[in-house]
């Protein structure tokens, strides 16, 4: 027989060794609130759908007509259609760094994680699991959802840059990069060739940036807002602009 103090010590040791096992129940059932294409909330528990990654809500993609659209919102709406206010049952014990449970969720017998990938509104999150790779390949073949146009993988969208890969149909639009990737700010005036950037801040302060300063490359000039280019610092000073600190 294990004495009570020893039993308490044993339980505490087990909980410390496996804190996830000590968390809430591994199965959650209820009405889901949809946050985005791969995140829901049931009874106050935030759940990240296991094995998939859907576009961010601010993500923009290109449709089959080669027009921009808010694919992150489209993915969220696709998940909402799958759920349609019905009871959702989710299972899984892992927890991500944001405190969300990583779970596989069902409406009836339908695996909604799989359905999102099969419908082309999410990708198999290969970094963590290859469970839905088959559904992704089928969606790509059918040109379903995102695959009907051009898009950036959600994990790349979060850290996108000029070299980010663009996915999609067999014929991705030739100007897809211009639509989906950040473009470098101009370093010279298209009219005068001058390089000093006269920027106006939100509070109306007139500041100019010269090549080599910290904020020069990311500063964009909008002449419609009164911003302008200068060829010399003397010219900028005379017009009422001051040199930027960075």
C-alpha atoms as a PDB file:
ATOM      1  CA  UNK A   1       0.000   0.000   0.000  1.00  0.00           C
ATOM      2  CA  UNK A   2       1.234   3.491  -0.867  1.00  0.00           C
ATOM      3  CA  UNK A   3       0.914   5.890   2.068  1.00  0.00           C
ATOM      4  CA  UNK A   4      -0.857   9.203   1.450  1.00  0.00           C
ATOM      5  CA  UNK A   5       2.295  11.424   1.580  1.00  0.00           C
ATOM      6  CA  UNK A   6       4.045   9.094  -0.855  1.00  0.00           C
ATOM      7  CA  UNK A   7       0.977   9.046  -3.134  1.00  0.00           C
ATOM      8  CA  UNK A   8       0.824  12.849  -3.196  1.00  0.00           C
ATOM      9  CA  UNK A   9       4.518  12.992  -4.034  1.00  0.00           C
ATOM     10  CA  UNK A  10       4.058  10.448  -6.846  1.00  0.00           C
ATOM     11  CA  UNK A  11       1.164  12.403  -8.407  1.00  0.00           C
ATOM     12  CA  UNK A  12       3.083  15.665  -8.214  1.00  0.00           C
ATOM     13  CA  UNK A  13       6.087  14.038  -9.860  1.00  0.00           C
ATOM     14  CA  UNK A  14       3.944  12.704 -12.721  1.00  0.00           C
ATOM     15  CA  UNK A  15       2.314  16.082 -13.293  1.00  0.00           C
ATOM     16  CA  UNK A  16       5.646  17.847 -13.423  1.00  0.00           C
ATOM     17  CA  UNK A  17       7.022  15.250 -15.821  1.00  0.00           C
ATOM     18  CA  UNK A  18       4.040  15.594 -18.187  1.00  0.00           C
ATOM     19  CA  UNK A  19       2.315  18.982 -17.712  1.00  0.00           C
ATOM     20  CA  UNK A  20       0.196  18.530 -20.859  1.00  0.00           C
ATOM     21  CA  UNK A  21      -1.402  15.438 -19.368  1.00  0.00           C
ATOM     22  CA  UNK A  22      -2.416  17.587 -16.422  1.00  0.00           C
ATOM     23  CA  UNK A  23      -4.169  20.114 -18.651  1.00  0.00           C
ATOM     24  CA  UNK A  24      -7.828  20.123 -19.551  1.00  0.00           C
ATOM     25  CA  UNK A  25      -9.659  17.200 -21.144  1.00  0.00           C
ATOM     26  CA  UNK A  26      -8.372  15.816 -24.444  1.00  0.00           C
ATOM     27  CA  UNK A  27     -11.829  16.028 -26.044  1.00  0.00           C
ATOM     28  CA  UNK A  28     -13.860  19.224 -26.386  1.00  0.00           C
ATOM     29  CA  UNK A  29     -17.350  19.406 -27.890  1.00  0.00           C
ATOM     30  CA  UNK A  30     -19.523  22.436 -28.534  1.00  0.00           C
ATOM     31  CA  UNK A  31     -20.385  25.295 -30.849  1.00  0.00           C
ATOM     32  CA  UNK A  32     -17.302  26.763 -32.500  1.00  0.00           C
ATOM     33  CA  UNK A  33     -16.482  30.415 -33.019  1.00  0.00           C
ATOM     34  CA  UNK A  34     -14.378  30.796 -36.167  1.00  0.00           C
ATOM     35  CA  UNK A  35     -11.343  33.100 -35.945  1.00  0.00           C
ATOM     36  CA  UNK A  36      -9.672  32.256 -39.245  1.00  0.00           C
ATOM     37  CA  UNK A  37      -9.182  29.306 -41.573  1.00  0.00           C
ATOM     38  CA  UNK A  38      -7.355  27.186 -39.012  1.00  0.00           C
ATOM     39  CA  UNK A  39      -8.321  28.571 -35.606  1.00  0.00           C
ATOM     40  CA  UNK A  40     -11.561  28.163 -33.658  1.00  0.00           C
ATOM     41  CA  UNK A  41     -12.758  28.608 -30.097  1.00  0.00           C
ATOM     42  CA  UNK A  42     -15.012  26.180 -28.230  1.00  0.00           C
ATOM     43  CA  UNK A  43     -16.199  26.932 -24.688  1.00  0.00           C
ATOM     44  CA  UNK A  44     -13.422  29.461 -24.214  1.00  0.00           C
ATOM     45  CA  UNK A  45     -10.684  27.103 -25.427  1.00  0.00           C
ATOM     46  CA  UNK A  46      -8.704  28.347 -28.414  1.00  0.00           C
ATOM     47  CA  UNK A  47      -7.977  25.548 -30.881  1.00  0.00           C
ATOM     48  CA  UNK A  48      -5.480  25.423 -33.740  1.00  0.00           C
ATOM     49  CA  UNK A  49      -6.494  22.809 -36.309  1.00  0.00           C
ATOM     50  CA  UNK A  50      -3.838  20.106 -36.381  1.00  0.00           C
ATOM     51  CA  UNK A  51      -1.752  19.461 -39.499  1.00  0.00           C
ATOM     52  CA  UNK A  52      -2.948  22.403 -41.600  1.00  0.00           C
ATOM     53  CA  UNK A  53      -2.062  26.027 -42.252  1.00  0.00           C
ATOM     54  CA  UNK A  54      -4.617  28.412 -43.766  1.00  0.00           C
ATOM     55  CA  UNK A  55      -4.046  31.943 -45.138  1.00  0.00           C
ATOM     56  CA  UNK A  56      -3.796  34.775 -42.615  1.00  0.00           C
ATOM     57  CA  UNK A  57      -6.881  36.998 -42.462  1.00  0.00           C
ATOM     58  CA  UNK A  58      -4.911  39.882 -43.999  1.00  0.00           C
ATOM     59  CA  UNK A  59      -3.508  37.690 -46.774  1.00  0.00           C
ATOM     60  CA  UNK A  60      -4.115  38.577 -50.404  1.00  0.00           C
ATOM     61  CA  UNK A  61      -4.076  36.058 -53.271  1.00  0.00           C
ATOM     62  CA  UNK A  62      -4.812  36.101 -57.000  1.00  0.00           C
ATOM     63  CA  UNK A  63      -7.922  34.368 -58.329  1.00  0.00           C
ATOM     64  CA  UNK A  64      -8.353  32.534 -61.631  1.00  0.00           C
ATOM     65  CA  UNK A  65      -9.377  35.821 -63.288  1.00  0.00           C
ATOM     66  CA  UNK A  66      -5.946  37.187 -62.218  1.00  0.00           C
ATOM     67  CA  UNK A  67      -7.527  39.645 -59.773  1.00  0.00           C
ATOM     68  CA  UNK A  68      -6.517  40.179 -56.157  1.00  0.00           C
ATOM     69  CA  UNK A  69      -8.840  38.876 -53.470  1.00  0.00           C
ATOM     70  CA  UNK A  70      -8.732  38.490 -49.686  1.00  0.00           C
ATOM     71  CA  UNK A  71      -8.031  34.770 -49.546  1.00  0.00           C
ATOM     72  CA  UNK A  72      -7.601  34.800 -45.764  1.00  0.00           C
ATOM     73  CA  UNK A  73     -11.219  35.907 -45.401  1.00  0.00           C
ATOM     74  CA  UNK A  74     -12.278  33.366 -48.030  1.00  0.00           C
ATOM     75  CA  UNK A  75     -10.577  30.582 -46.041  1.00  0.00           C
ATOM     76  CA  UNK A  76     -12.261  31.715 -42.835  1.00  0.00           C
ATOM     77  CA  UNK A  77     -15.637  31.709 -44.583  1.00  0.00           C
ATOM     78  CA  UNK A  78     -14.966  28.227 -46.005  1.00  0.00           C
ATOM     79  CA  UNK A  79     -14.391  26.898 -42.488  1.00  0.00           C
ATOM     80  CA  UNK A  80     -17.572  28.618 -41.302  1.00  0.00           C
ATOM     81  CA  UNK A  81     -19.515  26.878 -44.085  1.00  0.00           C
ATOM     82  CA  UNK A  82     -18.116  23.510 -43.014  1.00  0.00           C
ATOM     83  CA  UNK A  83     -19.228  24.094 -39.444  1.00  0.00           C
ATOM     84  CA  UNK A  84     -22.509  25.956 -40.120  1.00  0.00           C
ATOM     85  CA  UNK A  85     -23.215  26.411 -36.414  1.00  0.00           C
ATOM     86  CA  UNK A  86     -23.259  22.666 -35.739  1.00  0.00           C
ATOM     87  CA  UNK A  87     -21.598  20.963 -32.810  1.00  0.00           C
ATOM     88  CA  UNK A  88     -17.864  20.391 -33.269  1.00  0.00           C
ATOM     89  CA  UNK A  89     -15.847  17.708 -31.476  1.00  0.00           C
ATOM     90  CA  UNK A  90     -12.085  18.166 -31.202  1.00  0.00           C
ATOM     91  CA  UNK A  91      -9.426  15.833 -29.820  1.00  0.00           C
ATOM     92  CA  UNK A  92      -5.753  16.351 -29.041  1.00  0.00           C
ATOM     93  CA  UNK A  93      -3.431  17.172 -26.161  1.00  0.00           C
ATOM     94  CA  UNK A  94      -0.606  19.259 -27.641  1.00  0.00           C
ATOM     95  CA  UNK A  95      -0.415  22.981 -26.904  1.00  0.00           C
ATOM     96  CA  UNK A  96       1.389  25.526 -29.083  1.00  0.00           C
ATOM     97  CA  UNK A  97       3.482  28.477 -27.937  1.00  0.00           C
ATOM     98  CA  UNK A  98       0.435  30.752 -28.071  1.00  0.00           C
ATOM     99  CA  UNK A  99      -1.476  28.583 -25.603  1.00  0.00           C
ATOM    100  CA  UNK A 100      -3.787  27.102 -28.238  1.00  0.00           C
ATOM    101  CA  UNK A 101      -4.683  23.430 -28.247  1.00  0.00           C
ATOM    102  CA  UNK A 102      -3.552  21.556 -31.359  1.00  0.00           C
ATOM    103  CA  UNK A 103      -6.541  19.371 -32.225  1.00  0.00           C
ATOM    104  CA  UNK A 104      -8.282  17.406 -34.956  1.00  0.00           C
ATOM    105  CA  UNK A 105     -11.895  18.475 -35.216  1.00  0.00           C
ATOM    106  CA  UNK A 106     -15.017  16.820 -36.583  1.00  0.00           C
ATOM    107  CA  UNK A 107     -18.552  17.806 -37.513  1.00  0.00           C
ATOM    108  CA  UNK A 108     -20.341  14.487 -37.384  1.00  0.00           C
ATOM    109  CA  UNK A 109     -17.947  12.134 -39.174  1.00  0.00           C
ATOM    110  CA  UNK A 110     -16.322  14.861 -41.277  1.00  0.00           C
ATOM    111  CA  UNK A 111     -12.728  15.724 -40.410  1.00  0.00           C
ATOM    112  CA  UNK A 112     -12.846  19.484 -40.972  1.00  0.00           C
ATOM    113  CA  UNK A 113      -9.039  19.751 -40.923  1.00  0.00           C
ATOM    114  CA  UNK A 114      -8.910  17.395 -43.913  1.00  0.00           C
ATOM    115  CA  UNK A 115     -11.870  19.101 -45.575  1.00  0.00           C
ATOM    116  CA  UNK A 116     -10.143  22.509 -45.470  1.00  0.00           C
ATOM    117  CA  UNK A 117      -7.113  21.087 -47.280  1.00  0.00           C
ATOM    118  CA  UNK A 118      -9.201  19.056 -49.727  1.00  0.00           C
ATOM    119  CA  UNK A 119     -11.213  22.172 -50.552  1.00  0.00           C
ATOM    120  CA  UNK A 120      -8.018  24.078 -51.325  1.00  0.00           C
ATOM    121  CA  UNK A 121      -8.420  26.605 -48.496  1.00  0.00           C
ATOM    122  CA  UNK A 122      -5.513  25.339 -46.382  1.00  0.00           C
ATOM    123  CA  UNK A 123      -2.225  23.542 -46.963  1.00  0.00           C
ATOM    124  CA  UNK A 124      -0.773  20.488 -45.298  1.00  0.00           C
ATOM    125  CA  UNK A 125       1.507  21.927 -42.605  1.00  0.00           C
ATOM    126  CA  UNK A 126       4.438  19.679 -43.481  1.00  0.00           C
ATOM    127  CA  UNK A 127       6.692  21.312 -40.908  1.00  0.00           C
ATOM    128  CA  UNK A 128       4.674  19.583 -38.207  1.00  0.00           C
ATOM    129  CA  UNK A 129       2.733  16.807 -39.949  1.00  0.00           C
ATOM    130  CA  UNK A 130       2.271  15.111 -43.316  1.00  0.00           C
ATOM    131  CA  UNK A 131      -1.154  13.709 -42.446  1.00  0.00           C
ATOM    132  CA  UNK A 132      -3.004  15.802 -45.069  1.00  0.00           C
ATOM    133  CA  UNK A 133      -0.484  15.743 -47.931  1.00  0.00           C
ATOM    134  CA  UNK A 134      -2.796  13.506 -49.977  1.00  0.00           C
ATOM    135  CA  UNK A 135      -5.681  15.966 -49.667  1.00  0.00           C
ATOM    136  CA  UNK A 136      -3.390  18.799 -50.730  1.00  0.00           C
ATOM    137  CA  UNK A 137      -2.222  16.967 -53.844  1.00  0.00           C
ATOM    138  CA  UNK A 138      -5.829  16.265 -54.803  1.00  0.00           C
ATOM    139  CA  UNK A 139      -6.820  19.911 -54.299  1.00  0.00           C
ATOM    140  CA  UNK A 140      -3.931  21.063 -56.446  1.00  0.00           C
ATOM    141  CA  UNK A 141      -4.887  18.644 -59.229  1.00  0.00           C
ATOM    142  CA  UNK A 142      -8.491  19.889 -59.128  1.00  0.00           C
ATOM    143  CA  UNK A 143      -7.315  23.523 -58.886  1.00  0.00           C
ATOM    144  CA  UNK A 144      -9.618  23.929 -55.901  1.00  0.00           C
ATOM    145  CA  UNK A 145      -9.737  27.006 -53.696  1.00  0.00           C
ATOM    146  CA  UNK A 146      -6.374  28.740 -53.501  1.00  0.00           C
ATOM    147  CA  UNK A 147      -5.043  26.469 -56.234  1.00  0.00           C
ATOM    148  CA  UNK A 148      -7.341  28.056 -58.819  1.00  0.00           C
ATOM    149  CA  UNK A 149      -5.084  31.107 -58.905  1.00  0.00           C
ATOM    150  CA  UNK A 150      -1.781  32.154 -57.337  1.00  0.00           C
ATOM    151  CA  UNK A 151      -0.844  32.498 -53.678  1.00  0.00           C
ATOM    152  CA  UNK A 152       1.928  32.385 -51.106  1.00  0.00           C
ATOM    153  CA  UNK A 153       2.043  29.563 -48.569  1.00  0.00           C
ATOM    154  CA  UNK A 154       0.749  30.940 -45.250  1.00  0.00           C
ATOM    155  CA  UNK A 155       4.033  30.215 -43.448  1.00  0.00           C
ATOM    156  CA  UNK A 156       5.893  32.176 -46.138  1.00  0.00           C
ATOM    157  CA  UNK A 157       3.346  35.018 -46.154  1.00  0.00           C
ATOM    158  CA  UNK A 158       4.164  35.725 -42.508  1.00  0.00           C
ATOM    159  CA  UNK A 159       7.793  36.384 -43.468  1.00  0.00           C
ATOM    160  CA  UNK A 160       7.484  37.252 -47.134  1.00  0.00           C
ATOM    161  CA  UNK A 161      10.160  39.028 -49.106  1.00  0.00           C
ATOM    162  CA  UNK A 162      11.296  39.529 -52.709  1.00  0.00           C
ATOM    163  CA  UNK A 163      12.456  35.900 -53.049  1.00  0.00           C
ATOM    164  CA  UNK A 164       9.313  34.250 -51.613  1.00  0.00           C
ATOM    165  CA  UNK A 165       7.937  31.404 -53.738  1.00  0.00           C
ATOM    166  CA  UNK A 166       4.533  31.868 -55.339  1.00  0.00           C
ATOM    167  CA  UNK A 167       2.333  28.799 -55.666  1.00  0.00           C
ATOM    168  CA  UNK A 168      -0.759  28.096 -57.722  1.00  0.00           C
ATOM    169  CA  UNK A 169      -1.981  26.766 -61.030  1.00  0.00           C
ATOM    170  CA  UNK A 170       0.320  25.606 -63.815  1.00  0.00           C
ATOM    171  CA  UNK A 171       0.383  29.132 -65.260  1.00  0.00           C
ATOM    172  CA  UNK A 172       0.979  31.635 -62.456  1.00  0.00           C
ATOM    173  CA  UNK A 173       0.404  35.210 -63.752  1.00  0.00           C
ATOM    174  CA  UNK A 174       3.650  36.799 -64.900  1.00  0.00           C
ATOM    175  CA  UNK A 175       3.027  39.843 -62.685  1.00  0.00           C
ATOM    176  CA  UNK A 176       2.105  37.815 -59.572  1.00  0.00           C
ATOM    177  CA  UNK A 177       5.144  39.079 -57.676  1.00  0.00           C
ATOM    178  CA  UNK A 178       4.031  42.687 -58.155  1.00  0.00           C
ATOM    179  CA  UNK A 179       0.671  41.831 -56.605  1.00  0.00           C
ATOM    180  CA  UNK A 180       1.738  39.595 -53.734  1.00  0.00           C
ATOM    181  CA  UNK A 181       5.255  40.609 -52.700  1.00  0.00           C
ATOM    182  CA  UNK A 182       6.475  43.872 -51.159  1.00  0.00           C
ATOM    183  CA  UNK A 183       8.123  46.063 -53.741  1.00  0.00           C
ATOM    184  CA  UNK A 184      11.272  48.050 -52.951  1.00  0.00           C
ATOM    185  CA  UNK A 185      10.725  51.765 -52.539  1.00  0.00           C
ATOM    186  CA  UNK A 186      11.992  53.930 -55.364  1.00  0.00           C
ATOM    187  CA  UNK A 187      15.451  55.395 -54.741  1.00  0.00           C
ATOM    188  CA  UNK A 188      15.216  58.158 -57.336  1.00  0.00           C
ATOM    189  CA  UNK A 189      12.530  60.495 -58.602  1.00  0.00           C
ATOM    190  CA  UNK A 190      11.073  59.126 -61.854  1.00  0.00           C
ATOM    191  CA  UNK A 191      10.967  62.718 -63.166  1.00  0.00           C
ATOM    192  CA  UNK A 192      14.083  64.533 -61.925  1.00  0.00           C
ATOM    193  CA  UNK A 193      16.348  61.667 -60.873  1.00  0.00           C
ATOM    194  CA  UNK A 194      16.848  63.326 -57.460  1.00  0.00           C
ATOM    195  CA  UNK A 195      17.432  60.984 -54.520  1.00  0.00           C
ATOM    196  CA  UNK A 196      16.514  62.871 -51.321  1.00  0.00           C
ATOM    197  CA  UNK A 197      13.088  61.843 -50.044  1.00  0.00           C
ATOM    198  CA  UNK A 198      10.891  64.578 -48.570  1.00  0.00           C
ATOM    199  CA  UNK A 199       8.433  62.764 -46.317  1.00  0.00           C
ATOM    200  CA  UNK A 200       5.506  64.186 -44.309  1.00  0.00           C
ATOM    201  CA  UNK A 201       4.760  62.391 -41.022  1.00  0.00           C
ATOM    202  CA  UNK A 202       1.291  61.762 -39.621  1.00  0.00           C
ATOM    203  CA  UNK A 203       1.522  64.885 -37.445  1.00  0.00           C
ATOM    204  CA  UNK A 204       2.508  67.017 -40.431  1.00  0.00           C
ATOM    205  CA  UNK A 205       6.238  67.204 -39.699  1.00  0.00           C
ATOM    206  CA  UNK A 206       8.303  67.580 -42.867  1.00  0.00           C
ATOM    207  CA  UNK A 207      11.368  65.327 -42.785  1.00  0.00           C
ATOM    208  CA  UNK A 208      13.808  64.399 -45.507  1.00  0.00           C
ATOM    209  CA  UNK A 209      15.875  61.231 -45.832  1.00  0.00           C
ATOM    210  CA  UNK A 210      19.161  60.921 -47.665  1.00  0.00           C
ATOM    211  CA  UNK A 211      20.616  57.685 -49.123  1.00  0.00           C
ATOM    212  CA  UNK A 212      22.343  55.615 -46.452  1.00  0.00           C
ATOM    213  CA  UNK A 213      20.107  56.677 -43.563  1.00  0.00           C
ATOM    214  CA  UNK A 214      18.366  53.915 -41.589  1.00  0.00           C
ATOM    215  CA  UNK A 215      14.826  54.669 -42.786  1.00  0.00           C
ATOM    216  CA  UNK A 216      15.692  55.706 -46.336  1.00  0.00           C
ATOM    217  CA  UNK A 217      14.967  52.427 -48.122  1.00  0.00           C
ATOM    218  CA  UNK A 218      11.540  51.927 -46.554  1.00  0.00           C
ATOM    219  CA  UNK A 219      10.406  55.533 -47.058  1.00  0.00           C
ATOM    220  CA  UNK A 220       7.974  55.931 -49.927  1.00  0.00           C
ATOM    221  CA  UNK A 221       7.044  59.238 -51.523  1.00  0.00           C
ATOM    222  CA  UNK A 222       3.413  60.105 -52.205  1.00  0.00           C
ATOM    223  CA  UNK A 223       3.381  63.330 -54.183  1.00  0.00           C
ATOM    224  CA  UNK A 224      -0.414  63.463 -53.974  1.00  0.00           C
ATOM    225  CA  UNK A 225       0.011  64.028 -50.204  1.00  0.00           C
ATOM    226  CA  UNK A 226       2.496  66.864 -50.677  1.00  0.00           C
ATOM    227  CA  UNK A 227       5.609  64.733 -50.322  1.00  0.00           C
ATOM    228  CA  UNK A 228       8.427  65.359 -52.779  1.00  0.00           C
ATOM    229  CA  UNK A 229      11.951  64.653 -53.951  1.00  0.00           C
ATOM    230  CA  UNK A 230      14.922  66.980 -53.479  1.00  0.00           C
ATOM    231  CA  UNK A 231      18.235  67.063 -55.308  1.00  0.00           C
ATOM    232  CA  UNK A 232      20.198  68.744 -52.498  1.00  0.00           C
ATOM    233  CA  UNK A 233      19.858  69.181 -48.742  1.00  0.00           C
ATOM    234  CA  UNK A 234      19.974  72.965 -49.183  1.00  0.00           C
ATOM    235  CA  UNK A 235      16.921  72.683 -51.410  1.00  0.00           C
ATOM    236  CA  UNK A 236      15.124  70.621 -48.766  1.00  0.00           C
ATOM    237  CA  UNK A 237      15.987  73.089 -45.995  1.00  0.00           C
ATOM    238  CA  UNK A 238      14.810  76.018 -48.100  1.00  0.00           C
ATOM    239  CA  UNK A 239      11.460  74.280 -48.648  1.00  0.00           C
ATOM    240  CA  UNK A 240      10.936  73.793 -44.904  1.00  0.00           C
ATOM    241  CA  UNK A 241      12.048  70.161 -44.451  1.00  0.00           C
ATOM    242  CA  UNK A 242      14.469  69.012 -41.742  1.00  0.00           C
ATOM    243  CA  UNK A 243      16.895  66.098 -41.933  1.00  0.00           C
ATOM    244  CA  UNK A 244      15.679  62.806 -40.413  1.00  0.00           C
ATOM    245  CA  UNK A 245      17.468  61.538 -37.323  1.00  0.00           C
ATOM    246  CA  UNK A 246      17.544  57.988 -38.716  1.00  0.00           C
END
